[in-house]
């Protein structure tokens, strides 16, 4: 007789209950709950630099820049996740039922890649993010080399990518901002 391992699937209500009690952040997707790993010093510094620049760009606009403490719920695939940063413009709409601070209307999302997340962040997760109706841009900051990619929603609803390397800058047009690669990576040893 062969042993069949049963796999438990969680509901979103199970996830909400866990998040309300746990000191650890978790991501939820397709009935699975994943503990979020902590990032490296470089990962944290790169995210902080981009968030600082976005905060400066927001200025007097009715937008707020958030760290990775703000959860984002992506309705189409049912993904609850903590991007490395986000910008919410206008009043923040929250997903119900959810743990506190769960936004559904980001204008800009930031992900700094890592060895363990790069494929997911630049592939499946990016495609899920693109289903958010309010989303204008996704910023991907590489942990391997000095490279920032901004995926921008076009006026016809499509997406185009703009890449900047050492000595270049890339626009975050929804905020009338620009990210200078050398400024973001100024303390990094990456080439």
Protein backbone atom coordinates (compact mmCIF):
# COMPACT_ATOMS: atom_id res chain seq x y z
CA UNK A 1 0.00 0.00 0.00
CA UNK A 2 1.33 3.43 -0.93
CA UNK A 3 1.22 6.27 1.49
CA UNK A 4 -0.41 9.42 0.11
CA UNK A 5 0.55 12.61 1.85
CA UNK A 6 -2.40 14.93 2.28
CA UNK A 7 -1.73 18.60 1.79
CA UNK A 8 -3.72 21.07 3.90
CA UNK A 9 -5.21 24.07 2.09
CA UNK A 10 -5.91 27.19 4.09
CA UNK A 11 -8.75 29.63 3.65
CA UNK A 12 -8.22 33.36 3.62
CA UNK A 13 -9.99 33.42 7.01
CA UNK A 14 -7.30 31.03 8.33
CA UNK A 15 -4.64 33.44 7.05
CA UNK A 16 -6.34 36.45 8.66
CA UNK A 17 -6.53 34.61 12.00
CA UNK A 18 -2.82 33.72 11.81
CA UNK A 19 -1.76 37.27 10.89
CA UNK A 20 -3.77 38.73 13.74
CA UNK A 21 -1.82 36.59 16.23
CA UNK A 22 1.63 36.08 14.70
CA UNK A 23 4.64 38.38 15.10
CA UNK A 24 5.93 36.99 11.77
CA UNK A 25 4.68 38.31 8.42
CA UNK A 26 3.15 35.78 6.02
CA UNK A 27 2.17 35.78 2.37
CA UNK A 28 -1.03 34.05 1.25
CA UNK A 29 -1.65 32.62 -2.22
CA UNK A 30 -3.88 29.84 -3.51
CA UNK A 31 -4.56 28.23 -0.13
CA UNK A 32 -0.93 28.34 0.97
CA UNK A 33 0.61 30.44 3.74
CA UNK A 34 4.30 31.29 3.46
CA UNK A 35 6.43 32.88 6.19
CA UNK A 36 8.24 35.95 4.85
CA UNK A 37 12.01 35.79 5.25
CA UNK A 38 13.94 38.74 6.61
CA UNK A 39 16.11 40.66 4.17
CA UNK A 40 19.81 41.43 4.16
CA UNK A 41 21.39 44.74 5.09
CA UNK A 42 21.88 45.61 1.39
CA UNK A 43 18.26 44.67 0.64
CA UNK A 44 17.02 46.97 3.40
CA UNK A 45 19.31 49.83 2.36
CA UNK A 46 18.29 49.64 -1.31
CA UNK A 47 14.59 49.67 -0.37
CA UNK A 48 15.15 52.61 2.00
CA UNK A 49 16.95 54.65 -0.69
CA UNK A 50 14.15 54.15 -3.21
CA UNK A 51 11.47 54.93 -0.61
CA UNK A 52 13.35 58.10 0.39
CA UNK A 53 13.45 59.24 -3.24
CA UNK A 54 9.77 58.40 -3.74
CA UNK A 55 8.89 60.26 -0.53
CA UNK A 56 10.74 63.32 -1.81
CA UNK A 57 8.92 63.05 -5.14
CA UNK A 58 5.48 62.81 -3.56
CA UNK A 59 5.89 66.26 -2.07
CA UNK A 60 2.45 67.87 -1.80
CA UNK A 61 0.63 65.21 -3.83
CA UNK A 62 -2.15 63.41 -1.98
CA UNK A 63 -0.04 60.23 -1.81
CA UNK A 64 1.72 58.36 1.01
CA UNK A 65 4.83 56.21 0.75
CA UNK A 66 4.76 52.99 2.79
CA UNK A 67 7.42 50.52 3.91
CA UNK A 68 7.14 46.74 3.82
CA UNK A 69 4.89 46.89 6.88
CA UNK A 70 1.88 47.64 4.66
CA UNK A 71 0.24 44.49 3.28
CA UNK A 72 -1.18 44.62 -0.24
CA UNK A 73 -4.04 42.36 -1.31
CA UNK A 74 -4.22 41.55 -5.02
CA UNK A 75 -7.81 40.54 -5.63
CA UNK A 76 -7.65 38.66 -8.96
CA UNK A 77 -5.28 35.90 -7.79
CA UNK A 78 -6.12 36.29 -4.09
CA UNK A 79 -2.57 37.24 -3.11
CA UNK A 80 -1.81 38.90 0.22
CA UNK A 81 1.80 40.05 0.35
CA UNK A 82 4.21 42.62 1.74
CA UNK A 83 6.03 44.45 -1.08
CA UNK A 84 9.26 46.21 -0.09
CA UNK A 85 7.44 49.49 -0.56
CA UNK A 86 4.28 51.02 -1.95
CA UNK A 87 2.73 54.35 -2.76
CA UNK A 88 -0.98 54.86 -2.12
CA UNK A 89 -2.58 57.94 -3.68
CA UNK A 90 -5.90 59.23 -2.41
CA UNK A 91 -7.75 57.52 0.40
CA UNK A 92 -6.42 54.04 1.18
CA UNK A 93 -9.03 51.39 0.50
CA UNK A 94 -8.60 48.22 2.53
CA UNK A 95 -9.58 44.65 1.78
CA UNK A 96 -12.18 43.22 4.15
CA UNK A 97 -11.95 40.95 5.93
CA UNK A 98 -8.24 41.34 6.42
CA UNK A 99 -5.77 42.14 9.12
CA UNK A 100 -5.27 45.87 9.67
CA UNK A 101 -3.30 47.82 7.09
CA UNK A 102 -4.17 45.78 4.01
CA UNK A 103 -4.35 48.02 0.94
CA UNK A 104 -5.99 47.18 -2.38
CA UNK A 105 -5.32 50.43 -4.27
CA UNK A 106 -1.56 50.97 -4.66
CA UNK A 107 -0.33 53.30 -7.40
CA UNK A 108 3.32 52.17 -7.20
CA UNK A 109 4.88 48.98 -5.82
CA UNK A 110 8.55 48.32 -5.05
CA UNK A 111 10.36 45.00 -4.91
CA UNK A 112 14.08 44.59 -4.21
CA UNK A 113 15.08 41.16 -5.46
CA UNK A 114 17.07 38.56 -3.55
CA UNK A 115 18.51 35.17 -4.39
CA UNK A 116 15.39 33.46 -3.08
CA UNK A 117 12.81 35.88 -4.54
CA UNK A 118 14.23 37.11 -7.86
CA UNK A 119 12.46 34.64 -10.15
CA UNK A 120 9.13 35.06 -8.35
CA UNK A 121 9.39 38.88 -8.06
CA UNK A 122 10.21 39.35 -11.75
CA UNK A 123 7.82 36.68 -13.02
CA UNK A 124 4.65 35.38 -11.39
CA UNK A 125 4.38 38.08 -8.71
CA UNK A 126 4.93 40.88 -11.23
CA UNK A 127 2.15 39.46 -13.42
CA UNK A 128 -0.18 39.29 -10.41
CA UNK A 129 0.65 42.88 -9.50
CA UNK A 130 -0.26 44.00 -13.02
CA UNK A 131 -3.87 42.91 -12.41
CA UNK A 132 -4.37 45.68 -9.79
CA UNK A 133 -6.57 48.29 -11.52
CA UNK A 134 -5.06 51.31 -9.68
CA UNK A 135 -1.43 50.27 -10.20
CA UNK A 136 0.61 52.57 -12.47
CA UNK A 137 4.15 51.29 -11.90
CA UNK A 138 6.17 48.43 -10.45
CA UNK A 139 9.79 49.20 -9.52
CA UNK A 140 12.21 46.25 -9.46
CA UNK A 141 15.63 46.84 -7.91
CA UNK A 142 18.25 44.17 -8.63
CA UNK A 143 20.36 42.67 -5.87
CA UNK A 144 22.88 41.30 -8.43
CA UNK A 145 23.98 44.45 -10.26
CA UNK A 146 23.19 48.14 -10.49
CA UNK A 147 19.91 47.87 -12.37
CA UNK A 148 16.46 49.35 -11.79
CA UNK A 149 13.52 48.29 -13.94
CA UNK A 150 10.25 50.21 -13.93
CA UNK A 151 7.21 48.49 -15.42
CA UNK A 152 4.77 51.24 -16.43
CA UNK A 153 1.08 50.88 -17.36
CA UNK A 154 0.47 52.60 -20.69
CA UNK A 155 -2.61 54.66 -21.57
CA UNK A 156 -4.08 51.70 -23.46
CA UNK A 157 -3.77 49.43 -20.40
CA UNK A 158 -0.69 47.55 -21.61
CA UNK A 159 2.66 47.48 -19.83
CA UNK A 160 6.14 48.52 -20.91
CA UNK A 161 9.44 48.13 -19.10
CA UNK A 162 12.20 50.74 -18.81
CA UNK A 163 15.62 49.69 -17.52
CA UNK A 164 18.43 51.85 -16.16
CA UNK A 165 21.99 50.80 -15.28
CA UNK A 166 25.04 52.52 -13.74
CA UNK A 167 25.17 56.18 -14.80
CA UNK A 168 21.51 56.23 -15.86
CA UNK A 169 18.13 57.14 -14.41
CA UNK A 170 14.66 55.74 -14.94
CA UNK A 171 11.36 57.61 -14.74
CA UNK A 172 8.55 56.90 -12.30
CA UNK A 173 6.14 58.95 -14.36
CA UNK A 174 3.05 58.60 -12.15
CA UNK A 175 4.91 60.61 -9.49
CA UNK A 176 6.83 62.87 -11.92
CA UNK A 177 9.98 61.34 -10.43
CA UNK A 178 13.23 59.83 -11.57
CA UNK A 179 15.39 57.18 -9.89
CA UNK A 180 19.12 57.71 -10.41
CA UNK A 181 20.80 54.30 -10.29
CA UNK A 182 24.04 55.67 -8.82
CA UNK A 183 22.13 57.40 -6.01
CA UNK A 184 20.12 54.29 -5.13
CA UNK A 185 23.25 52.11 -5.11
CA UNK A 186 25.61 54.74 -3.69
CA UNK A 187 26.71 52.61 -0.73
CA UNK A 188 26.54 49.26 -2.54
CA UNK A 189 29.54 47.26 -3.73
CA UNK A 190 27.57 46.07 -6.77
CA UNK A 191 28.87 47.02 -10.20
